[in-house]
Amino acid sequence: MAEDKVLSAKEVAAVLGVCEMTIYRWVAAGKLKPMRIGRILRFRHSQLLIAMERFEEQSENRDTHRPEWS
């Protein structure tokens, strides 16, 4: 079984194409679950993939529930 890569908040931000502060906001909102090493946050690659799938599903649901304008 392959090791689960551990990423910093900066690396996660680069992967997702957002600023690092957004990653900290998502953690505070409970959208991402980090591992804490003291005050340092680290993210498992597998958990990042799960979060990305969840974000994608929410985005798709939002697109399909738009009100129709007459």
Protein backbone atom coordinates (compact mmCIF):
# COMPACT_ATOMS: atom_id res chain seq x y z
CA MET A 1 0.00 0.00 0.00
CA ALA A 2 1.40 3.41 -0.98
CA GLU A 3 2.10 6.03 1.64
CA ASP A 4 -0.41 8.84 1.99
CA LYS A 5 1.49 12.02 1.13
CA VAL A 6 1.28 14.84 3.66
CA LEU A 7 0.94 18.40 2.36
CA SER A 8 1.34 21.84 3.92
CA ALA A 9 -1.38 24.49 3.68
CA LYS A 10 0.73 26.27 1.07
CA GLU A 11 0.98 23.12 -1.05
CA VAL A 12 -2.77 22.47 -0.75
CA ALA A 13 -3.46 26.06 -1.82
CA ALA A 14 -1.24 25.61 -4.89
CA VAL A 15 -2.96 22.34 -5.83
CA LEU A 16 -6.43 23.88 -5.52
CA GLY A 17 -5.48 27.20 -7.08
CA VAL A 18 -6.56 29.30 -4.10
CA CYS A 19 -4.66 31.49 -1.67
CA GLU A 20 -3.29 29.99 1.53
CA MET A 21 -5.69 32.07 3.64
CA THR A 22 -8.61 30.31 1.93
CA ILE A 23 -7.25 26.98 3.18
CA TYR A 24 -7.24 28.31 6.76
CA ARG A 25 -10.80 29.62 6.32
CA TRP A 26 -11.95 26.21 5.06
CA VAL A 27 -10.33 24.56 8.07
CA ALA A 28 -12.13 26.98 10.41
CA ALA A 29 -15.42 26.26 8.59
CA GLY A 30 -14.89 22.50 8.86
CA LYS A 31 -14.56 21.99 5.09
CA LEU A 32 -11.03 20.58 5.39
CA LYS A 33 -9.70 18.42 8.19
CA PRO A 34 -6.01 18.89 8.93
CA MET A 35 -3.62 16.99 11.13
CA ARG A 36 -2.17 19.27 13.76
CA ILE A 37 1.45 19.09 14.79
CA GLY A 38 1.53 21.74 17.49
CA ARG A 39 0.29 24.84 15.68
CA ILE A 40 1.32 23.53 12.26
CA LEU A 41 -1.37 22.16 9.95
CA ARG A 42 -0.73 19.29 7.58
CA PHE A 43 -3.16 17.65 5.20
CA ARG A 44 -3.29 14.05 4.01
CA HIS A 45 -3.49 13.77 0.24
CA SER A 46 -6.30 11.21 0.54
CA GLN A 47 -8.38 13.61 2.66
CA LEU A 48 -7.77 16.37 0.13
CA LEU A 49 -9.15 14.16 -2.65
CA ILE A 50 -12.25 13.43 -0.58
CA ALA A 51 -12.78 17.15 0.10
CA MET A 52 -12.33 17.97 -3.60
CA GLU A 53 -15.00 15.41 -4.54
CA ARG A 54 -17.35 16.89 -1.94
CA PHE A 55 -16.74 20.44 -3.25
CA GLU A 56 -17.41 19.23 -6.80
CA GLU A 57 -20.69 17.58 -5.78
CA GLN A 58 -21.81 20.74 -3.97
CA SER A 59 -20.94 22.81 -7.02
CA GLU A 60 -22.90 20.50 -9.32
CA ASN A 61 -25.92 20.58 -6.98
CA ARG A 62 -25.82 24.36 -6.89
CA ASP A 63 -25.75 24.55 -10.70
CA THR A 64 -28.77 22.26 -11.08
CA HIS A 65 -30.88 24.13 -8.53
CA ARG A 66 -30.70 27.58 -10.07
CA PRO A 67 -34.05 29.31 -10.39
CA GLU A 68 -35.28 29.67 -13.93
CA TRP A 69 -35.71 33.27 -14.97
CA SER A 70 -38.80 34.10 -17.04
